[in-house]
mmCIF file of all heavy atoms, coordinates in Angstrom:
data_MODEL
# 
_entry.id   MODEL 
# 
loop_
_atom_site.group_PDB 
_atom_site.id 
_atom_site.type_symbol 
_atom_site.label_atom_id 
_atom_site.label_alt_id 
_atom_site.label_comp_id 
_atom_site.label_asym_id 
_atom_site.label_entity_id 
_atom_site.label_seq_id 
_atom_site.pdbx_PDB_ins_code 
_atom_site.Cartn_x 
_atom_site.Cartn_y 
_atom_site.Cartn_z 
_atom_site.occupancy 
_atom_site.B_iso_or_equiv 
_atom_site.pdbx_formal_charge 
_atom_site.auth_seq_id 
_atom_site.auth_comp_id 
_atom_site.auth_asym_id 
_atom_site.auth_atom_id 
_atom_site.pdbx_PDB_model_num 
ATOM 1   N N   . PHE A 1 1  ? 0.841   -1.197 0.000  1.00 0.00 ? 1  PHE A N   1 
ATOM 2   C CA  . PHE A 1 1  ? 0.000   0.000  0.000  1.00 0.00 ? 1  PHE A CA  1 
ATOM 3   C C   . PHE A 1 1  ? 0.873   1.242  0.000  1.00 0.00 ? 1  PHE A C   1 
ATOM 4   O O   . PHE A 1 1  ? 1.780   1.374  0.814  1.00 0.00 ? 1  PHE A O   1 
ATOM 5   C CB  . PHE A 1 1  ? -0.939  -0.023 1.206  1.00 0.00 ? 1  PHE A CB  1 
ATOM 6   C CG  . PHE A 1 1  ? -1.810  -1.241 1.248  1.00 0.00 ? 1  PHE A CG  1 
ATOM 7   C CD1 . PHE A 1 1  ? -1.354  -2.420 1.835  1.00 0.00 ? 1  PHE A CD1 1 
ATOM 8   C CD2 . PHE A 1 1  ? -3.069  -1.228 0.685  1.00 0.00 ? 1  PHE A CD2 1 
ATOM 9   C CE1 . PHE A 1 1  ? -2.143  -3.557 1.862  1.00 0.00 ? 1  PHE A CE1 1 
ATOM 10  C CE2 . PHE A 1 1  ? -3.866  -2.361 0.704  1.00 0.00 ? 1  PHE A CE2 1 
ATOM 11  C CZ  . PHE A 1 1  ? -3.406  -3.527 1.291  1.00 0.00 ? 1  PHE A CZ  1 
ATOM 12  N N   . SER A 1 2  ? 0.573   2.149  -0.925 1.00 0.00 ? 2  SER A N   1 
ATOM 13  C CA  . SER A 1 2  ? 1.367   3.354  -1.099 1.00 0.00 ? 2  SER A CA  1 
ATOM 14  C C   . SER A 1 2  ? 0.493   4.587  -0.873 1.00 0.00 ? 2  SER A C   1 
ATOM 15  O O   . SER A 1 2  ? -0.562  4.724  -1.506 1.00 0.00 ? 2  SER A O   1 
ATOM 16  C CB  . SER A 1 2  ? 1.966   3.405  -2.505 1.00 0.00 ? 2  SER A CB  1 
ATOM 17  O OG  . SER A 1 2  ? 2.710   4.590  -2.721 1.00 0.00 ? 2  SER A OG  1 
ATOM 18  N N   . PRO A 1 3  ? 0.897   5.491  0.019  1.00 0.00 ? 3  PRO A N   1 
ATOM 19  C CA  . PRO A 1 3  ? 0.038   6.641  0.336  1.00 0.00 ? 3  PRO A CA  1 
ATOM 20  C C   . PRO A 1 3  ? 0.070   7.721  -0.739 1.00 0.00 ? 3  PRO A C   1 
ATOM 21  O O   . PRO A 1 3  ? 1.067   7.910  -1.438 1.00 0.00 ? 3  PRO A O   1 
ATOM 22  C CB  . PRO A 1 3  ? 0.648   7.174  1.640  1.00 0.00 ? 3  PRO A CB  1 
ATOM 23  C CG  . PRO A 1 3  ? 2.098   6.792  1.556  1.00 0.00 ? 3  PRO A CG  1 
ATOM 24  C CD  . PRO A 1 3  ? 2.125   5.464  0.841  1.00 0.00 ? 3  PRO A CD  1 
ATOM 25  N N   . ILE A 1 4  ? -1.034  8.433  -0.862 1.00 0.00 ? 4  ILE A N   1 
ATOM 26  C CA  . ILE A 1 4  ? -1.095  9.642  -1.665 1.00 0.00 ? 4  ILE A CA  1 
ATOM 27  C C   . ILE A 1 4  ? -0.677  10.811 -0.783 1.00 0.00 ? 4  ILE A C   1 
ATOM 28  O O   . ILE A 1 4  ? -1.301  11.072 0.247  1.00 0.00 ? 4  ILE A O   1 
ATOM 29  C CB  . ILE A 1 4  ? -2.512  9.893  -2.211 1.00 0.00 ? 4  ILE A CB  1 
ATOM 30  C CG1 . ILE A 1 4  ? -2.925  8.782  -3.174 1.00 0.00 ? 4  ILE A CG1 1 
ATOM 31  C CG2 . ILE A 1 4  ? -2.586  11.249 -2.908 1.00 0.00 ? 4  ILE A CG2 1 
ATOM 32  C CD1 . ILE A 1 4  ? -4.373  8.893  -3.636 1.00 0.00 ? 4  ILE A CD1 1 
ATOM 33  N N   . TYR A 1 5  ? 0.383   11.502 -1.162 1.00 0.00 ? 5  TYR A N   1 
ATOM 34  C CA  . TYR A 1 5  ? 0.817   12.682 -0.425 1.00 0.00 ? 5  TYR A CA  1 
ATOM 35  C C   . TYR A 1 5  ? 0.429   13.980 -1.127 1.00 0.00 ? 5  TYR A C   1 
ATOM 36  O O   . TYR A 1 5  ? 0.570   15.064 -0.578 1.00 0.00 ? 5  TYR A O   1 
ATOM 37  C CB  . TYR A 1 5  ? 2.329   12.650 -0.215 1.00 0.00 ? 5  TYR A CB  1 
ATOM 38  C CG  . TYR A 1 5  ? 2.776   11.648 0.833  1.00 0.00 ? 5  TYR A CG  1 
ATOM 39  C CD1 . TYR A 1 5  ? 3.520   10.536 0.487  1.00 0.00 ? 5  TYR A CD1 1 
ATOM 40  C CD2 . TYR A 1 5  ? 2.461   11.828 2.169  1.00 0.00 ? 5  TYR A CD2 1 
ATOM 41  C CE1 . TYR A 1 5  ? 3.942   9.625  1.448  1.00 0.00 ? 5  TYR A CE1 1 
ATOM 42  C CE2 . TYR A 1 5  ? 2.876   10.923 3.140  1.00 0.00 ? 5  TYR A CE2 1 
ATOM 43  C CZ  . TYR A 1 5  ? 3.615   9.826  2.769  1.00 0.00 ? 5  TYR A CZ  1 
ATOM 44  O OH  . TYR A 1 5  ? 4.028   8.927  3.722  1.00 0.00 ? 5  TYR A OH  1 
ATOM 45  N N   . GLY A 1 6  ? -0.017  13.866 -2.344 1.00 0.00 ? 6  GLY A N   1 
ATOM 46  C CA  . GLY A 1 6  ? -0.407  15.055 -3.063 1.00 0.00 ? 6  GLY A CA  1 
ATOM 47  C C   . GLY A 1 6  ? -1.228  14.702 -4.297 1.00 0.00 ? 6  GLY A C   1 
ATOM 48  O O   . GLY A 1 6  ? -0.992  13.650 -4.918 1.00 0.00 ? 6  GLY A O   1 
ATOM 49  N N   . PRO A 1 7  ? -2.236  15.521 -4.631 1.00 0.00 ? 7  PRO A N   1 
ATOM 50  C CA  . PRO A 1 7  ? -2.674  16.707 -3.896 1.00 0.00 ? 7  PRO A CA  1 
ATOM 51  C C   . PRO A 1 7  ? -3.149  16.360 -2.483 1.00 0.00 ? 7  PRO A C   1 
ATOM 52  O O   . PRO A 1 7  ? -3.668  15.259 -2.263 1.00 0.00 ? 7  PRO A O   1 
ATOM 53  C CB  . PRO A 1 7  ? -3.841  17.252 -4.747 1.00 0.00 ? 7  PRO A CB  1 
ATOM 54  C CG  . PRO A 1 7  ? -3.749  16.544 -6.058 1.00 0.00 ? 7  PRO A CG  1 
ATOM 55  C CD  . PRO A 1 7  ? -3.085  15.260 -5.824 1.00 0.00 ? 7  PRO A CD  1 
ATOM 56  N N   . ASP A 1 8  ? -3.006  17.303 -1.561 1.00 0.00 ? 8  ASP A N   1 
ATOM 57  C CA  . ASP A 1 8  ? -3.302  17.000 -0.165 1.00 0.00 ? 8  ASP A CA  1 
ATOM 58  C C   . ASP A 1 8  ? -4.770  16.671 0.074  1.00 0.00 ? 8  ASP A C   1 
ATOM 59  O O   . ASP A 1 8  ? -5.090  15.962 1.037  1.00 0.00 ? 8  ASP A O   1 
ATOM 60  C CB  . ASP A 1 8  ? -2.837  18.124 0.771  1.00 0.00 ? 8  ASP A CB  1 
ATOM 61  C CG  . ASP A 1 8  ? -3.476  19.480 0.467  1.00 0.00 ? 8  ASP A CG  1 
ATOM 62  O OD1 . ASP A 1 8  ? -4.333  19.558 -0.432 1.00 0.00 ? 8  ASP A OD1 1 
ATOM 63  O OD2 . ASP A 1 8  ? -3.096  20.478 1.142  1.00 0.00 ? 8  ASP A OD2 1 
ATOM 64  N N   . TYR A 1 9  ? -5.672  17.123 -0.830 1.00 0.00 ? 9  TYR A N   1 
ATOM 65  C CA  . TYR A 1 9  ? -7.088  16.821 -0.604 1.00 0.00 ? 9  TYR A CA  1 
ATOM 66  C C   . TYR A 1 9  ? -7.439  15.356 -0.905 1.00 0.00 ? 9  TYR A C   1 
ATOM 67  O O   . TYR A 1 9  ? -8.572  14.950 -0.670 1.00 0.00 ? 9  TYR A O   1 
ATOM 68  C CB  . TYR A 1 9  ? -7.997  17.780 -1.387 1.00 0.00 ? 9  TYR A CB  1 
ATOM 69  C CG  . TYR A 1 9  ? -7.652  17.965 -2.860 1.00 0.00 ? 9  TYR A CG  1 
ATOM 70  C CD1 . TYR A 1 9  ? -8.008  17.028 -3.814 1.00 0.00 ? 9  TYR A CD1 1 
ATOM 71  C CD2 . TYR A 1 9  ? -6.994  19.110 -3.273 1.00 0.00 ? 9  TYR A CD2 1 
ATOM 72  C CE1 . TYR A 1 9  ? -7.714  17.218 -5.152 1.00 0.00 ? 9  TYR A CE1 1 
ATOM 73  C CE2 . TYR A 1 9  ? -6.683  19.319 -4.609 1.00 0.00 ? 9  TYR A CE2 1 
ATOM 74  C CZ  . TYR A 1 9  ? -7.044  18.373 -5.540 1.00 0.00 ? 9  TYR A CZ  1 
ATOM 75  O OH  . TYR A 1 9  ? -6.737  18.575 -6.866 1.00 0.00 ? 9  TYR A OH  1 
ATOM 76  N N   . TYR A 1 10 ? -6.501  14.588 -1.425 1.00 0.00 ? 10 TYR A N   1 
ATOM 77  C CA  . TYR A 1 10 ? -6.688  13.145 -1.547 1.00 0.00 ? 10 TYR A CA  1 
ATOM 78  C C   . TYR A 1 10 ? -5.950  12.373 -0.452 1.00 0.00 ? 10 TYR A C   1 
ATOM 79  O O   . TYR A 1 10 ? -6.011  11.145 -0.419 1.00 0.00 ? 10 TYR A O   1 
ATOM 80  C CB  . TYR A 1 10 ? -6.218  12.655 -2.919 1.00 0.00 ? 10 TYR A CB  1 
ATOM 81  C CG  . TYR A 1 10 ? -7.130  13.037 -4.067 1.00 0.00 ? 10 TYR A CG  1 
ATOM 82  C CD1 . TYR A 1 10 ? -6.620  13.668 -5.190 1.00 0.00 ? 10 TYR A CD1 1 
ATOM 83  C CD2 . TYR A 1 10 ? -8.492  12.769 -4.027 1.00 0.00 ? 10 TYR A CD2 1 
ATOM 84  C CE1 . TYR A 1 10 ? -7.446  14.029 -6.248 1.00 0.00 ? 10 TYR A CE1 1 
ATOM 85  C CE2 . TYR A 1 10 ? -9.323  13.127 -5.072 1.00 0.00 ? 10 TYR A CE2 1 
ATOM 86  C CZ  . TYR A 1 10 ? -8.791  13.757 -6.178 1.00 0.00 ? 10 TYR A CZ  1 
ATOM 87  O OH  . TYR A 1 10 ? -9.623  14.112 -7.221 1.00 0.00 ? 10 TYR A OH  1 
ATOM 88  N N   . ASP A 1 11 ? -5.263  13.055 0.407  1.00 0.00 ? 11 ASP A N   1 
ATOM 89  C CA  . ASP A 1 11 ? -4.440  12.455 1.458  1.00 0.00 ? 11 ASP A CA  1 
ATOM 90  C C   . ASP A 1 11 ? -5.330  12.054 2.636  1.00 0.00 ? 11 ASP A C   1 
ATOM 91  O O   . ASP A 1 11 ? -5.955  12.888 3.277  1.00 0.00 ? 11 ASP A O   1 
ATOM 92  C CB  . ASP A 1 11 ? -3.380  13.469 1.905  1.00 0.00 ? 11 ASP A CB  1 
ATOM 93  C CG  . ASP A 1 11 ? -2.320  12.876 2.813  1.00 0.00 ? 11 ASP A CG  1 
ATOM 94  O OD1 . ASP A 1 11 ? -2.610  11.885 3.517  1.00 0.00 ? 11 ASP A OD1 1 
ATOM 95  O OD2 . ASP A 1 11 ? -1.203  13.420 2.841  1.00 0.00 ? 11 ASP A OD2 1 
ATOM 96  N N   . CYS A 1 12 ? -5.376  10.751 2.927  1.00 0.00 ? 12 CYS A N   1 
ATOM 97  C CA  . CYS A 1 12 ? -6.279  10.250 3.963  1.00 0.00 ? 12 CYS A CA  1 
ATOM 98  C C   . CYS A 1 12 ? -5.905  10.720 5.365  1.00 0.00 ? 12 CYS A C   1 
ATOM 99  O O   . CYS A 1 12 ? -6.708  10.608 6.293  1.00 0.00 ? 12 CYS A O   1 
ATOM 100 C CB  . CYS A 1 12 ? -6.341  8.724  3.932  1.00 0.00 ? 12 CYS A CB  1 
ATOM 101 S SG  . CYS A 1 12 ? -4.795  7.899  4.386  1.00 0.00 ? 12 CYS A SG  1 
ATOM 102 N N   . ARG A 1 13 ? -4.706  11.235 5.541  1.00 0.00 ? 13 ARG A N   1 
ATOM 103 C CA  . ARG A 1 13 ? -4.298  11.713 6.863  1.00 0.00 ? 13 ARG A CA  1 
ATOM 104 C C   . ARG A 1 13 ? -5.160  12.876 7.348  1.00 0.00 ? 13 ARG A C   1 
ATOM 105 O O   . ARG A 1 13 ? -5.257  13.128 8.546  1.00 0.00 ? 13 ARG A O   1 
ATOM 106 C CB  . ARG A 1 13 ? -2.828  12.123 6.850  1.00 0.00 ? 13 ARG A CB  1 
ATOM 107 C CG  . ARG A 1 13 ? -1.866  10.980 6.562  1.00 0.00 ? 13 ARG A CG  1 
ATOM 108 C CD  . ARG A 1 13 ? -0.426  11.449 6.574  1.00 0.00 ? 13 ARG A CD  1 
ATOM 109 N NE  . ARG A 1 13 ? -0.187  12.476 5.573  1.00 0.00 ? 13 ARG A NE  1 
ATOM 110 C CZ  . ARG A 1 13 ? 0.905   13.226 5.509  1.00 0.00 ? 13 ARG A CZ  1 
ATOM 111 N NH1 . ARG A 1 13 ? 1.858   13.074 6.399  1.00 0.00 ? 13 ARG A NH1 1 
ATOM 112 N NH2 . ARG A 1 13 ? 1.039   14.136 4.544  1.00 0.00 ? 13 ARG A NH2 1 
ATOM 113 N N   . PHE A 1 14 ? -5.799  13.586 6.417  1.00 0.00 ? 14 PHE A N   1 
ATOM 114 C CA  . PHE A 1 14 ? -6.612  14.742 6.772  1.00 0.00 ? 14 PHE A CA  1 
ATOM 115 C C   . PHE A 1 14 ? -8.092  14.402 6.959  1.00 0.00 ? 14 PHE A C   1 
ATOM 116 O O   . PHE A 1 14 ? -8.915  15.289 7.174  1.00 0.00 ? 14 PHE A O   1 
ATOM 117 C CB  . PHE A 1 14 ? -6.447  15.836 5.716  1.00 0.00 ? 14 PHE A CB  1 
ATOM 118 C CG  . PHE A 1 14 ? -5.037  16.338 5.597  1.00 0.00 ? 14 PHE A CG  1 
ATOM 119 C CD1 . PHE A 1 14 ? -4.239  15.966 4.527  1.00 0.00 ? 14 PHE A CD1 1 
ATOM 120 C CD2 . PHE A 1 14 ? -4.500  17.157 6.569  1.00 0.00 ? 14 PHE A CD2 1 
ATOM 121 C CE1 . PHE A 1 14 ? -2.929  16.422 4.420  1.00 0.00 ? 14 PHE A CE1 1 
ATOM 122 C CE2 . PHE A 1 14 ? -3.193  17.618 6.468  1.00 0.00 ? 14 PHE A CE2 1 
ATOM 123 C CZ  . PHE A 1 14 ? -2.405  17.240 5.396  1.00 0.00 ? 14 PHE A CZ  1 
ATOM 124 N N   . LEU A 1 15 ? -8.434  13.121 6.852  1.00 0.00 ? 15 LEU A N   1 
ATOM 125 C CA  . LEU A 1 15 ? -9.807  12.690 7.067  1.00 0.00 ? 15 LEU A CA  1 
ATOM 126 C C   . LEU A 1 15 ? -10.223 12.902 8.524  1.00 0.00 ? 15 LEU A C   1 
ATOM 127 O O   . LEU A 1 15 ? -9.388  12.901 9.428  1.00 0.00 ? 15 LEU A O   1 
ATOM 128 C CB  . LEU A 1 15 ? -9.965  11.216 6.712  1.00 0.00 ? 15 LEU A CB  1 
ATOM 129 C CG  . LEU A 1 15 ? -10.094 10.854 5.229  1.00 0.00 ? 15 LEU A CG  1 
ATOM 130 C CD1 . LEU A 1 15 ? -9.924  9.362  5.031  1.00 0.00 ? 15 LEU A CD1 1 
ATOM 131 C CD2 . LEU A 1 15 ? -11.447 11.309 4.673  1.00 0.00 ? 15 LEU A CD2 1 
ATOM 132 N N   . PRO A 1 16 ? -11.532 13.040 8.764  1.00 0.00 ? 16 PRO A N   1 
ATOM 133 C CA  . PRO A 1 16 ? -12.018 13.117 10.144 1.00 0.00 ? 16 PRO A CA  1 
ATOM 134 C C   . PRO A 1 16 ? -11.665 11.866 10.945 1.00 0.00 ? 16 PRO A C   1 
ATOM 135 O O   . PRO A 1 16 ? -11.520 10.770 10.388 1.00 0.00 ? 16 PRO A O   1 
ATOM 136 C CB  . PRO A 1 16 ? -13.539 13.245 9.969  1.00 0.00 ? 16 PRO A CB  1 
ATOM 137 C CG  . PRO A 1 16 ? -13.715 13.813 8.608  1.00 0.00 ? 16 PRO A CG  1 
ATOM 138 C CD  . PRO A 1 16 ? -12.613 13.255 7.778  1.00 0.00 ? 16 PRO A CD  1 
ATOM 139 N N   . ASP A 1 17 ? -11.559 12.009 12.248 1.00 0.00 ? 17 ASP A N   1 
ATOM 140 C CA  . ASP A 1 17 ? -11.199 10.896 13.122 1.00 0.00 ? 17 ASP A CA  1 
ATOM 141 C C   . ASP A 1 17 ? -12.168 9.726  12.994 1.00 0.00 ? 17 ASP A C   1 
ATOM 142 O O   . ASP A 1 17 ? -11.786 8.571  13.199 1.00 0.00 ? 17 ASP A O   1 
ATOM 143 C CB  . ASP A 1 17 ? -11.144 11.356 14.578 1.00 0.00 ? 17 ASP A CB  1 
ATOM 144 C CG  . ASP A 1 17 ? -9.955  12.266 14.858 1.00 0.00 ? 17 ASP A CG  1 
ATOM 145 O OD1 . ASP A 1 17 ? -9.004  12.257 14.043 1.00 0.00 ? 17 ASP A OD1 1 
ATOM 146 O OD2 . ASP A 1 17 ? -9.987  12.980 15.868 1.00 0.00 ? 17 ASP A OD2 1 
ATOM 147 N N   . LYS A 1 18 ? -13.420 10.002 12.666 1.00 0.00 ? 18 LYS A N   1 
ATOM 148 C CA  . LYS A 1 18 ? -14.417 8.954  12.547 1.00 0.00 ? 18 LYS A CA  1 
ATOM 149 C C   . LYS A 1 18 ? -13.993 7.899  11.515 1.00 0.00 ? 18 LYS A C   1 
ATOM 150 O O   . LYS A 1 18 ? -14.238 6.700  11.691 1.00 0.00 ? 18 LYS A O   1 
ATOM 151 C CB  . LYS A 1 18 ? -15.773 9.552  12.183 1.00 0.00 ? 18 LYS A CB  1 
ATOM 152 C CG  . LYS A 1 18 ? -16.929 8.648  12.336 1.00 0.00 ? 18 LYS A CG  1 
ATOM 153 C CD  . LYS A 1 18 ? -18.254 9.344  12.080 1.00 0.00 ? 18 LYS A CD  1 
ATOM 154 C CE  . LYS A 1 18 ? -18.663 10.195 13.220 1.00 0.00 ? 18 LYS A CE  1 
ATOM 155 N NZ  . LYS A 1 18 ? -20.069 10.685 13.079 1.00 0.00 ? 18 LYS A NZ  1 
ATOM 156 N N   . PHE A 1 19 ? -13.360 8.330  10.439 1.00 0.00 ? 19 PHE A N   1 
ATOM 157 C CA  . PHE A 1 19 ? -12.871 7.400  9.431  1.00 0.00 ? 19 PHE A CA  1 
ATOM 158 C C   . PHE A 1 19 ? -11.781 6.499  10.008 1.00 0.00 ? 19 PHE A C   1 
ATOM 159 O O   . PHE A 1 19 ? -11.745 5.293  9.761  1.00 0.00 ? 19 PHE A O   1 
ATOM 160 C CB  . PHE A 1 19 ? -12.313 8.165  8.229  1.00 0.00 ? 19 PHE A CB  1 
ATOM 161 C CG  . PHE A 1 19 ? -13.360 8.676  7.289  1.00 0.00 ? 19 PHE A CG  1 
ATOM 162 C CD1 . PHE A 1 19 ? -14.108 9.782  7.599  1.00 0.00 ? 19 PHE A CD1 1 
ATOM 163 C CD2 . PHE A 1 19 ? -13.610 8.041  6.091  1.00 0.00 ? 19 PHE A CD2 1 
ATOM 164 C CE1 . PHE A 1 19 ? -15.070 10.270 6.731  1.00 0.00 ? 19 PHE A CE1 1 
ATOM 165 C CE2 . PHE A 1 19 ? -14.563 8.506  5.211  1.00 0.00 ? 19 PHE A CE2 1 
ATOM 166 C CZ  . PHE A 1 19 ? -15.299 9.619  5.534  1.00 0.00 ? 19 PHE A CZ  1 
ATOM 167 N N   . LYS A 1 20 ? -10.894 7.094  10.749 1.00 0.00 ? 20 LYS A N   1 
ATOM 168 C CA  . LYS A 1 20 ? -9.764  6.352  11.299 1.00 0.00 ? 20 LYS A CA  1 
ATOM 169 C C   . LYS A 1 20 ? -10.211 5.345  12.355 1.00 0.00 ? 20 LYS A C   1 
ATOM 170 O O   . LYS A 1 20 ? -9.648  4.256  12.475 1.00 0.00 ? 20 LYS A O   1 
ATOM 171 C CB  . LYS A 1 20 ? -8.726  7.334  11.834 1.00 0.00 ? 20 LYS A CB  1 
ATOM 172 C CG  . LYS A 1 20 ? -8.173  8.241  10.737 1.00 0.00 ? 20 LYS A CG  1 
ATOM 173 C CD  . LYS A 1 20 ? -7.327  9.377  11.258 1.00 0.00 ? 20 LYS A CD  1 
ATOM 174 C CE  . LYS A 1 20 ? -6.949  10.322 10.115 1.00 0.00 ? 20 LYS A CE  1 
ATOM 175 N NZ  . LYS A 1 20 ? -6.110  11.472 10.583 1.00 0.00 ? 20 LYS A NZ  1 
ATOM 176 N N   . VAL A 1 21 ? -11.242 5.708  13.113 1.00 0.00 ? 21 VAL A N   1 
ATOM 177 C CA  . VAL A 1 21 ? -11.813 4.778  14.091 1.00 0.00 ? 21 VAL A CA  1 
ATOM 178 C C   . VAL A 1 21 ? -12.419 3.575  13.382 1.00 0.00 ? 21 VAL A C   1 
ATOM 179 O O   . VAL A 1 21 ? -12.211 2.426  13.787 1.00 0.00 ? 21 VAL A O   1 
ATOM 180 C CB  . VAL A 1 21 ? -12.857 5.493  14.972 1.00 0.00 ? 21 VAL A CB  1 
ATOM 181 C CG1 . VAL A 1 21 ? -13.626 4.478  15.827 1.00 0.00 ? 21 VAL A CG1 1 
ATOM 182 C CG2 . VAL A 1 21 ? -12.193 6.531  15.860 1.00 0.00 ? 21 VAL A CG2 1 
ATOM 183 N N   . LYS A 1 22 ? -13.182 3.824  12.325 1.00 0.00 ? 22 LYS A N   1 
ATOM 184 C CA  . LYS A 1 22 ? -13.793 2.731  11.561 1.00 0.00 ? 22 LYS A CA  1 
ATOM 185 C C   . LYS A 1 22 ? -12.721 1.843  10.936 1.00 0.00 ? 22 LYS A C   1 
ATOM 186 O O   . LYS A 1 22 ? -12.865 0.620  10.886 1.00 0.00 ? 22 LYS A O   1 
ATOM 187 C CB  . LYS A 1 22 ? -14.730 3.282  10.489 1.00 0.00 ? 22 LYS A CB  1 
ATOM 188 C CG  . LYS A 1 22 ? -16.035 3.813  11.008 1.00 0.00 ? 22 LYS A CG  1 
ATOM 189 C CD  . LYS A 1 22 ? -16.940 4.288  9.887  1.00 0.00 ? 22 LYS A CD  1 
ATOM 190 C CE  . LYS A 1 22 ? -17.457 3.114  9.066  1.00 0.00 ? 22 LYS A CE  1 
ATOM 191 N NZ  . LYS A 1 22 ? -18.409 2.264  9.827  1.00 0.00 ? 22 LYS A NZ  1 
ATOM 192 N N   . TYR A 1 23 ? -11.660 2.449  10.430 1.00 0.00 ? 23 TYR A N   1 
ATOM 193 C CA  . TYR A 1 23 ? -10.563 1.668  9.855  1.00 0.00 ? 23 TYR A CA  1 
ATOM 194 C C   . TYR A 1 23 ? -9.964  0.742  10.910 1.00 0.00 ? 23 TYR A C   1 
ATOM 195 O O   . TYR A 1 23 ? -9.745  -0.443 10.656 1.00 0.00 ? 23 TYR A O   1 
ATOM 196 C CB  . TYR A 1 23 ? -9.491  2.602  9.288  1.00 0.00 ? 23 TYR A CB  1 
ATOM 197 C CG  . TYR A 1 23 ? -8.371  1.887  8.558  1.00 0.00 ? 23 TYR A CG  1 
ATOM 198 C CD1 . TYR A 1 23 ? -8.364  1.825  7.169  1.00 0.00 ? 23 TYR A CD1 1 
ATOM 199 C CD2 . TYR A 1 23 ? -7.324  1.269  9.237  1.00 0.00 ? 23 TYR A CD2 1 
ATOM 200 C CE1 . TYR A 1 23 ? -7.340  1.180  6.486  1.00 0.00 ? 23 TYR A CE1 1 
ATOM 201 C CE2 . TYR A 1 23 ? -6.310  0.619  8.572  1.00 0.00 ? 23 TYR A CE2 1 
ATOM 202 C CZ  . TYR A 1 23 ? -6.313  0.575  7.199  1.00 0.00 ? 23 TYR A CZ  1 
ATOM 203 O OH  . TYR A 1 23 ? -5.285  -0.084 6.529  1.00 0.00 ? 23 TYR A OH  1 
ATOM 204 N N   . LYS A 1 24 ? -9.688  1.282  12.097 1.00 0.00 ? 24 LYS A N   1 
ATOM 205 C CA  . LYS A 1 24 ? -9.067  0.489  13.163 1.00 0.00 ? 24 LYS A CA  1 
ATOM 206 C C   . LYS A 1 24 ? -9.979  -0.656 13.593 1.00 0.00 ? 24 LYS A C   1 
ATOM 207 O O   . LYS A 1 24 ? -9.493  -1.770 13.857 1.00 0.00 ? 24 LYS A O   1 
ATOM 208 C CB  . LYS A 1 24 ? -8.760  1.381  14.360 1.00 0.00 ? 24 LYS A CB  1 
ATOM 209 C CG  . LYS A 1 24 ? -7.978  0.687  15.493 1.00 0.00 ? 24 LYS A CG  1 
ATOM 210 C CD  . LYS A 1 24 ? -6.616  0.200  15.001 1.00 0.00 ? 24 LYS A CD  1 
ATOM 211 C CE  . LYS A 1 24 ? -5.694  -0.143 16.155 1.00 0.00 ? 24 LYS A CE  1 
ATOM 212 N NZ  . LYS A 1 24 ? -6.214  -1.181 17.028 1.00 0.00 ? 24 LYS A NZ  1 
# 
């Protein structure tokens, strides 16, 4: 898996915490 670092609006690091909780 390779992250998207740009454009930043496709970067999952900026998603709301709710997404990250569901992922975990």
